[in-house]
Protein backbone atom coordinates (compact mmCIF):
# COMPACT_ATOMS: atom_id res chain seq x y z
CA MET A 1 -1.36 16.73 -1.33
CA ALA A 2 -1.42 18.46 -4.85
CA ILE A 3 1.55 20.35 -3.84
CA GLN A 4 3.40 17.38 -2.45
CA GLY A 5 2.66 15.33 -5.39
CA THR A 6 3.65 17.97 -7.75
CA MET A 7 7.06 18.47 -6.03
CA ASN A 8 7.75 14.56 -5.95
CA SER A 9 6.65 14.32 -9.45
CA VAL A 10 9.11 17.03 -10.63
CA LEU A 11 11.93 15.41 -8.46
CA GLY A 12 10.96 12.00 -10.27
CA LYS A 13 11.40 13.45 -13.68
CA VAL A 14 14.86 14.89 -12.70
CA ILE A 15 16.38 11.91 -10.70
CA GLY A 16 14.01 9.01 -11.22
CA LEU A 17 10.94 7.45 -9.81
CA TRP A 18 12.30 5.20 -7.22
CA GLU A 19 15.16 7.55 -6.53
CA SER A 20 12.91 10.44 -5.57
CA THR A 21 10.79 8.07 -3.54
CA LEU A 22 13.90 7.40 -1.34
CA VAL A 23 14.88 11.16 -1.16
CA VAL A 24 11.55 12.03 -0.20
CA HIS A 25 11.64 9.60 2.55
CA VAL A 26 15.15 10.52 3.78
CA VAL A 27 14.18 14.20 3.90
CA GLY A 28 10.99 13.10 5.76
CA LEU A 29 13.21 11.15 8.33
CA ILE A 30 15.31 13.89 8.92
CA THR A 31 12.55 16.40 9.18
CA VAL A 32 10.88 14.09 11.76
CA ALA A 33 14.02 13.57 13.91
CA ALA A 34 14.61 17.33 14.07
CA VAL A 35 11.20 17.85 15.20
CA ILE A 36 11.53 15.26 17.92
CA ILE A 37 14.75 16.73 18.99
CA CYS A 38 13.78 20.36 18.95
CA ALA A 39 10.43 19.78 20.50
CA GLY A 40 12.11 17.90 23.43
CA VAL A 41 9.52 14.83 22.62
CA GLY A 42 12.50 12.33 22.95
CA PHE A 43 12.54 8.81 21.52
CA GLN A 44 11.31 6.85 24.41
CA GLY A 45 8.23 5.73 22.98
CA LEU A 46 10.42 3.59 20.44
CA ALA A 47 10.88 1.45 23.50
CA LYS A 48 7.30 0.24 22.78
CA VAL A 49 7.74 -0.46 19.12
CA ASN A 50 7.21 -4.12 19.59
CA GLN A 51 3.70 -3.82 21.27
CA ALA A 52 2.12 -2.67 18.10
CA PRO A 53 0.43 -5.24 16.09
CA TRP A 54 2.54 -6.53 13.23
CA TYR A 55 0.32 -5.39 10.36
CA VAL A 56 0.63 -1.53 11.08
CA TYR A 57 4.08 -1.82 10.04
CA ALA A 58 2.78 -2.03 6.48
CA GLY A 59 2.07 1.57 6.65
CA GLY A 60 5.69 2.19 5.58
CA ILE A 61 5.25 0.08 2.57
CA LEU A 62 2.07 1.61 1.64
CA ASN A 63 3.63 5.07 1.92
CA VAL A 64 6.38 4.07 -0.41
CA LEU A 65 3.68 2.73 -2.84
CA ILE A 66 1.58 5.77 -2.64
CA ILE A 67 4.48 8.14 -3.28
CA PHE A 68 5.61 6.20 -6.04
CA GLY A 69 2.24 5.89 -7.56
CA VAL A 70 1.63 9.80 -7.22
CA VAL A 71 5.21 10.26 -8.90
CA LYS A 72 4.52 7.87 -11.72
CA SER A 73 0.68 9.12 -12.42
CA MET A 74 0.85 12.96 -11.99
CA PRO A 75 2.96 13.63 -15.05
CA LYS A 76 0.80 11.29 -17.12
CA ILE A 77 -2.82 12.36 -16.12
CA GLY A 78 -2.24 15.66 -14.47
CA VAL A 79 -2.15 16.86 -10.91
CA GLY A 80 -6.06 17.47 -10.81
CA ASN A 81 -6.96 14.11 -12.09
CA ALA A 82 -4.51 12.23 -9.92
CA THR A 83 -5.53 14.00 -6.93
CA THR A 84 -9.03 13.43 -7.37
CA GLY A 85 -8.75 9.71 -7.98
CA ILE A 86 -6.52 9.67 -4.92
CA ILE A 87 -9.23 11.39 -2.84
CA PHE A 88 -11.73 9.19 -4.14
CA ALA A 89 -9.80 6.17 -3.30
CA GLN A 90 -8.89 7.69 0.23
CA ILE A 91 -12.57 8.45 0.92
CA LEU A 92 -13.81 4.69 -0.22
CA THR A 93 -11.33 3.25 1.99
CA ALA A 94 -11.95 5.55 4.85
CA VAL A 95 -15.78 4.53 4.75
CA LEU A 96 -14.92 0.74 4.63
CA ILE A 97 -12.61 1.18 7.71
CA ASP A 98 -15.25 3.02 9.57
CA ARG A 99 -18.04 0.41 8.58
CA PHE A 100 -16.08 -2.57 9.49
CA GLY A 101 -13.90 -1.21 12.37
CA LEU A 102 -10.92 -2.63 10.55
CA MET A 103 -7.50 -2.40 12.41
CA GLY A 104 -9.11 -1.76 15.69
CA VAL A 105 -10.88 1.41 15.09
CA GLU A 106 -14.30 2.14 16.30
CA LYS A 107 -17.09 0.89 14.02
CA VAL A 108 -19.27 3.72 12.58
CA PRO A 109 -22.68 2.63 11.62
CA PHE A 110 -23.24 2.35 7.79
CA ARG A 111 -25.74 5.14 6.35
CA TRP A 112 -26.88 5.20 2.99
CA VAL A 113 -25.92 8.83 2.52
CA ASP A 114 -22.59 7.52 2.87
CA LEU A 115 -22.72 5.35 -0.17
CA LEU A 116 -24.61 8.27 -1.95
CA GLY A 117 -21.58 10.58 -1.22
CA VAL A 118 -19.03 7.74 -2.43
CA VAL A 119 -21.08 7.31 -5.58
CA LEU A 120 -21.14 11.01 -6.15
CA LEU A 121 -17.39 11.17 -5.77
CA ALA A 122 -17.05 8.25 -8.07
CA VAL A 123 -19.01 10.07 -10.56
CA GLY A 124 -17.04 13.37 -10.20
CA THR A 125 -13.93 11.33 -10.52
CA ARG A 126 -14.92 9.75 -13.73
CA VAL A 127 -16.03 13.14 -15.14
CA LEU A 128 -12.50 14.75 -14.29
CA LEU A 129 -10.63 11.69 -15.57
CA LYS A 130 -12.38 11.65 -19.16
């Protein structure tokens, strides 16, 4: 993530924030299409695209916002600080998704050690961001 974020940030400095977000997604699209074709996977799964819950398509919107946020934040606060903040947010979100079984995933029982881990991550993040 740190390498990708740095690359995206450098690209953003050269061509602009939104433009770099677009370029990253176009390159990703070409890469995925090439993998599907070269691996012989095929595109038949796309016939079931309307069977997925509507809200899962917001993942594409989140992807754009995440890449934009990384491109914007890394030059300002540094790769290490941005990556630390992102990891903290990811872990906190993952614990909540597991705990409440959001979006149909299997619930994982809450343990106090999970809360301790999130708190320690928050403290570490705060220390690094100072």
